Amino acid sequence: MGKVFLVGDGPGDPKLLTIKGLKAIKEADVILYDRLVNKDILSCASTSTKFFYCGKDPNSHSLPQEATNKMMVTLARKGHTVTRLKGGDPFVFGRGGEEAEVLASNKIPFEIVPGITSGIAAPAYAGIPVTYRDYSSSVAFVTAVNKPGMDKDRYWEHLANGPETLCVYMGVKPLPEICELLMHHGRSEVTPVALVHMGTSQQQITVVGTLNSILDKKHHIKNPAMIVIGEVVKLRENINWFTEQTIESEVTLTQITST
């Protein structure tokens, strides 16, 4: 019997991969990797390692989750050391919990190797702490991809009146609806918002606005991007430290709020 390692490779910068994650990659016979895994990290594997792409692209046909589950179980039963490599953290919107359940129910030995999630790392590289004593003592990590049948109005009502900082994954396309629902349920229209595209990478781009203005700025931003909503976004003006790509029409929060 082999073993499966469910590994988070971090938010994008290969240097943010954990030591234990690197060890799991180097020792793997087989690596099953997702769409957002940095390809530079794959080069750390042994030359004899076999790779299988299991990514889910919203714009094209993807390998069904059931097929990935079956592949993990089959390879482990054949005695392979399998590293299931995911972007960010496997237990933060990475379906790692589902895969761990499959392995447990099939009595396959496994380990979880956490990674740094983009919900923390992308804001940090944009100079935005997700908590800060003067602005936010709570943060929610939120997916904009809701289950069929979910009451979206109630979902966003809870978030509008709950945590002070919202970190929204997979939210670029539905951003107009997100902003509308948050404002409808009581969030101020001048609540600061940041969109961080390709956070922690050399392709990182950050755009800042407010709930009622960010839609006019977001045409530069495509998936993958982290959306940060809350007063902590203001801190970017003082503690932005990472040199990223510039865009001619980037507008600072100071410029937005002074007009």
Protein backbone atom coordinates (compact mmCIF):
# COMPACT_ATOMS: atom_id res chain seq x y z
CA MET A 1 0.00 0.00 0.00
CA GLY A 2 1.25 3.44 -0.91
CA LYS A 3 0.40 6.80 0.62
CA VAL A 4 -1.14 10.10 -0.47
CA PHE A 5 0.01 13.56 0.58
CA LEU A 6 -2.54 16.36 0.15
CA VAL A 7 -0.23 19.35 -0.26
CA GLY A 8 -0.88 23.06 -0.56
CA ASP A 9 1.79 24.75 -2.68
CA GLY A 10 0.99 28.25 -1.43
CA PRO A 11 -0.30 31.36 -3.17
CA GLY A 12 2.02 31.65 -6.17
CA ASP A 13 5.54 32.63 -5.15
CA PRO A 14 7.52 29.33 -5.11
CA LYS A 15 9.54 30.60 -2.15
CA LEU A 16 6.39 30.43 -0.03
CA LEU A 17 6.15 26.64 -0.39
CA THR A 18 6.61 24.99 3.00
CA ILE A 19 9.59 22.74 3.78
CA LYS A 20 7.27 19.79 4.34
CA GLY A 21 5.50 20.48 1.06
CA LEU A 22 8.81 20.52 -0.79
CA LYS A 23 9.75 17.19 0.82
CA ALA A 24 6.48 15.63 -0.33
CA ILE A 25 7.11 16.82 -3.89
CA LYS A 26 10.67 15.49 -3.97
CA GLU A 27 9.67 12.07 -2.62
CA ALA A 28 6.58 11.54 -4.81
CA ASP A 29 6.40 8.83 -7.46
CA VAL A 30 3.33 10.51 -8.92
CA ILE A 31 2.09 14.11 -8.66
CA LEU A 32 -1.51 15.06 -9.38
CA TYR A 33 -1.53 18.84 -9.73
CA ASP A 34 -4.13 21.57 -10.09
CA ARG A 35 -4.47 24.54 -12.46
CA LEU A 36 -3.07 27.19 -10.13
CA VAL A 37 0.04 25.27 -9.09
CA ASN A 38 3.18 27.19 -9.99
CA LYS A 39 4.99 25.16 -12.63
CA ASP A 40 8.38 26.13 -11.16
CA ILE A 41 7.45 24.06 -8.12
CA LEU A 42 6.95 20.97 -10.29
CA SER A 43 10.59 21.19 -11.36
CA CYS A 44 11.56 20.29 -7.78
CA ALA A 45 10.27 16.75 -8.31
CA SER A 46 12.44 13.77 -9.20
CA THR A 47 13.16 13.23 -12.89
CA SER A 48 11.36 9.88 -12.62
CA THR A 49 8.16 11.38 -11.19
CA LYS A 50 5.02 11.07 -13.30
CA PHE A 51 2.66 14.03 -13.56
CA PHE A 52 -1.10 14.12 -14.09
CA TYR A 53 -3.00 17.37 -14.57
CA CYS A 54 -6.24 17.51 -12.57
CA GLY A 55 -7.02 21.21 -12.85
CA LYS A 56 -10.47 22.69 -13.17
CA ASP A 57 -10.66 25.52 -15.68
CA PRO A 58 -13.93 27.48 -15.59
CA ASN A 59 -13.62 28.17 -19.32
CA SER A 60 -12.94 24.67 -20.62
CA HIS A 61 -13.55 20.97 -20.04
CA SER A 62 -12.02 19.73 -16.81
CA LEU A 63 -11.31 16.36 -15.24
CA PRO A 64 -14.26 15.46 -12.99
CA GLN A 65 -13.52 15.38 -9.26
CA GLU A 66 -14.64 11.74 -9.14
CA ALA A 67 -11.92 10.82 -11.64
CA THR A 68 -9.26 12.51 -9.49
CA ASN A 69 -10.52 10.67 -6.42
CA LYS A 70 -10.38 7.34 -8.22
CA MET A 71 -6.88 8.03 -9.52
CA MET A 72 -5.55 8.77 -6.01
CA VAL A 73 -7.02 5.55 -4.60
CA THR A 74 -5.87 3.40 -7.53
CA LEU A 75 -2.29 4.71 -7.50
CA ALA A 76 -1.96 4.34 -3.73
CA ARG A 77 -3.26 0.76 -3.85
CA LYS A 78 -0.56 0.01 -6.42
CA GLY A 79 2.06 1.11 -3.89
CA HIS A 80 2.84 4.59 -5.20
CA THR A 81 3.72 7.62 -3.11
CA VAL A 82 1.26 10.18 -4.45
CA THR A 83 1.40 13.92 -3.91
CA ARG A 84 -1.90 15.64 -4.63
CA LEU A 85 -0.68 19.18 -5.21
CA LYS A 86 -3.05 22.11 -4.86
CA GLY A 87 -2.74 25.87 -5.03
CA GLY A 88 -2.93 27.70 -1.70
CA ASP A 89 -4.12 25.48 1.14
CA PRO A 90 -5.87 22.16 0.41
CA PHE A 91 -8.52 22.79 3.07
CA VAL A 92 -9.44 26.34 1.96
CA PHE A 93 -11.77 26.03 -1.05
CA GLY A 94 -9.48 23.34 -2.42
CA ARG A 95 -11.75 20.30 -1.96
CA GLY A 96 -9.04 18.77 0.18
CA GLY A 97 -11.59 17.76 2.80
CA GLU A 98 -13.58 15.81 0.22
CA GLU A 99 -10.47 14.06 -1.05
CA ALA A 100 -9.36 13.21 2.49
CA GLU A 101 -12.78 11.64 3.12
CA VAL A 102 -12.41 9.49 0.02
CA LEU A 103 -8.96 8.32 1.12
CA ALA A 104 -10.16 7.60 4.66
CA SER A 105 -13.20 5.63 3.46
CA ASN A 106 -10.91 3.53 1.24
CA LYS A 107 -8.42 3.03 4.09
CA ILE A 108 -5.63 4.76 2.15
CA PRO A 109 -2.87 6.23 4.38
CA PHE A 110 -2.63 9.99 3.89
CA GLU A 111 -1.21 13.20 5.33
CA ILE A 112 -2.33 16.81 5.04
CA VAL A 113 0.37 19.40 4.33
CA PRO A 114 -1.10 22.89 4.78
CA GLY A 115 -0.10 25.75 2.50
CA ILE A 116 -0.38 29.52 2.74
CA THR A 117 -3.77 30.50 1.37
CA SER A 118 -4.08 33.40 -1.04
CA GLY A 119 -6.70 34.96 1.22
CA ILE A 120 -3.88 35.93 3.57
CA ALA A 121 -0.87 36.08 1.26
CA ALA A 122 -2.30 38.15 -1.62
CA PRO A 123 -3.49 40.95 0.67
CA ALA A 124 -0.15 40.85 2.52
CA TYR A 125 1.77 41.30 -0.74
CA ALA A 126 -0.57 44.20 -1.56
CA GLY A 127 0.20 45.87 1.78
CA ILE A 128 -3.14 44.93 3.33
CA PRO A 129 -3.29 43.12 6.69
CA VAL A 130 -6.57 41.22 6.98
CA THR A 131 -6.84 42.20 10.66
CA TYR A 132 -5.71 45.40 12.34
CA ARG A 133 -6.51 46.66 15.83
CA ASP A 134 -8.10 49.93 14.72
CA TYR A 135 -10.13 48.53 11.82
CA SER A 136 -10.81 44.81 12.01
CA SER A 137 -10.83 42.12 14.67
CA SER A 138 -12.56 39.57 12.44
CA VAL A 139 -12.09 38.19 8.96
CA ALA A 140 -14.11 35.80 6.79
CA PHE A 141 -12.78 33.74 3.90
CA VAL A 142 -15.63 33.56 1.42
CA THR A 143 -16.26 31.82 -1.89
CA ALA A 144 -18.43 33.55 -4.46
CA VAL A 145 -19.29 30.17 -5.98
CA ASN A 146 -22.42 29.11 -4.13
CA LYS A 147 -24.03 25.70 -4.00
CA PRO A 148 -27.14 25.22 -6.17
CA GLY A 149 -30.21 26.21 -4.24
CA MET A 150 -28.38 28.43 -1.76
CA ASP A 151 -30.17 31.63 -0.75
CA LYS A 152 -27.59 34.17 -1.97
CA ASP A 153 -29.49 37.10 -0.53
CA ARG A 154 -29.37 35.67 2.99
CA TYR A 155 -25.75 34.56 2.49
CA TRP A 156 -24.53 38.07 1.65
CA GLU A 157 -26.79 39.68 4.24
CA HIS A 158 -24.96 37.69 6.92
CA LEU A 159 -21.59 38.78 5.52
CA ALA A 160 -22.62 42.42 5.17
CA ASN A 161 -23.38 42.58 8.87
CA GLY A 162 -20.75 40.16 10.15
CA PRO A 163 -16.94 40.09 9.84
CA GLU A 164 -15.21 43.42 9.30
CA THR A 165 -12.88 42.05 6.60
CA LEU A 166 -14.06 39.86 3.74
CA CYS A 167 -11.59 37.92 1.58
CA VAL A 168 -13.52 36.68 -1.42
CA TYR A 169 -12.25 33.84 -3.60
CA MET A 170 -13.47 33.26 -7.16
CA GLY A 171 -15.36 36.54 -7.14
CA VAL A 172 -14.21 38.56 -10.17
CA LYS A 173 -17.09 37.63 -12.47
CA PRO A 174 -19.86 38.00 -9.86
CA LEU A 175 -18.33 41.17 -8.35
CA PRO A 176 -21.17 43.45 -9.55
CA GLU A 177 -23.70 41.29 -7.73
CA ILE A 178 -21.49 41.04 -4.62
CA CYS A 179 -21.15 44.81 -4.35
CA GLU A 180 -24.86 45.33 -4.91
CA LEU A 181 -25.86 42.77 -2.26
CA LEU A 182 -23.42 44.08 0.34
CA MET A 183 -24.62 47.65 -0.11
CA HIS A 184 -28.25 46.54 -0.15
CA HIS A 185 -27.76 44.87 3.23
CA GLY A 186 -26.07 47.76 4.95
CA ARG A 187 -22.39 47.95 4.02
CA SER A 188 -21.42 51.53 3.26
CA GLU A 189 -20.98 52.31 -0.41
CA VAL A 190 -17.59 53.85 0.39
CA THR A 191 -16.28 50.66 2.03
CA PRO A 192 -12.75 50.16 0.61
CA VAL A 193 -12.20 47.28 -1.82
CA ALA A 194 -9.00 45.86 -3.32
CA LEU A 195 -8.62 43.36 -6.16
CA VAL A 196 -5.29 41.54 -6.18
CA HIS A 197 -4.58 39.65 -9.40
CA MET A 198 -1.96 36.86 -9.31
CA GLY A 199 -1.02 37.72 -5.74
CA THR A 200 2.61 37.12 -4.65
CA SER A 201 3.75 36.56 -8.24
CA GLN A 202 5.72 38.83 -10.56
CA GLN A 203 2.45 39.34 -12.46
CA GLN A 204 0.67 40.79 -9.43
CA ILE A 205 -1.58 43.77 -10.08
CA THR A 206 -3.66 45.51 -7.40
CA VAL A 207 -6.57 47.84 -8.03
CA VAL A 208 -8.23 49.77 -5.21
CA GLY A 209 -11.65 51.37 -5.01
CA THR A 210 -14.85 51.29 -2.98
CA LEU A 211 -18.02 49.22 -3.20
CA ASN A 212 -19.61 51.87 -5.42
CA SER A 213 -16.56 52.53 -7.62
CA ILE A 214 -14.53 49.34 -7.95
CA LEU A 215 -16.49 48.12 -10.97
CA ASP A 216 -15.13 51.06 -12.98
CA LYS A 217 -11.57 49.95 -12.18
CA LYS A 218 -11.77 46.17 -12.45
CA HIS A 219 -11.50 45.82 -16.23
CA HIS A 220 -7.75 45.28 -15.77
CA ILE A 221 -8.33 42.37 -13.41
CA LYS A 222 -9.01 38.78 -14.46
CA ASN A 223 -9.06 35.50 -12.59
CA PRO A 224 -7.30 34.45 -10.49
CA ALA A 225 -7.76 37.38 -8.14
CA MET A 226 -8.41 37.88 -4.45
CA ILE A 227 -11.01 40.45 -3.44
CA VAL A 228 -10.51 42.19 -0.08
CA ILE A 229 -13.37 44.23 1.34
CA GLY A 230 -13.05 46.33 4.48
CA GLU A 231 -11.38 49.29 6.14
CA VAL A 232 -8.03 47.45 6.29
CA VAL A 233 -7.62 48.21 2.57
CA LYS A 234 -6.78 51.81 3.56
CA LEU A 235 -3.50 50.58 5.06
CA ARG A 236 -2.13 49.82 1.60
CA GLU A 237 -1.34 53.51 1.18
CA ASN A 238 1.22 53.35 4.00
CA ILE A 239 2.58 49.79 4.01
CA ASN A 240 2.56 48.73 0.38
CA TRP A 241 5.97 47.09 0.01
CA PHE A 242 5.90 44.75 -2.98
CA THR A 243 6.90 46.08 -6.39
CA GLU A 244 4.26 44.98 -8.85
CA GLN A 245 3.17 45.73 -12.40
CA THR A 246 1.75 49.19 -12.91
CA ILE A 247 -1.33 50.07 -14.91
CA GLU A 248 -1.82 53.55 -16.29
CA SER A 249 -5.31 54.01 -14.90
CA GLU A 250 -4.68 52.73 -11.35
CA VAL A 251 -6.41 55.06 -8.93
CA THR A 252 -5.51 55.25 -5.25
CA LEU A 253 -8.04 55.22 -2.46
CA THR A 254 -7.03 58.79 -1.56
CA GLN A 255 -7.90 59.98 -5.06
CA ILE A 256 -11.21 58.12 -5.00
CA THR A 257 -12.37 59.41 -1.63
CA SER A 258 -11.29 62.99 -2.33
CA THR A 259 -13.43 63.38 -5.44
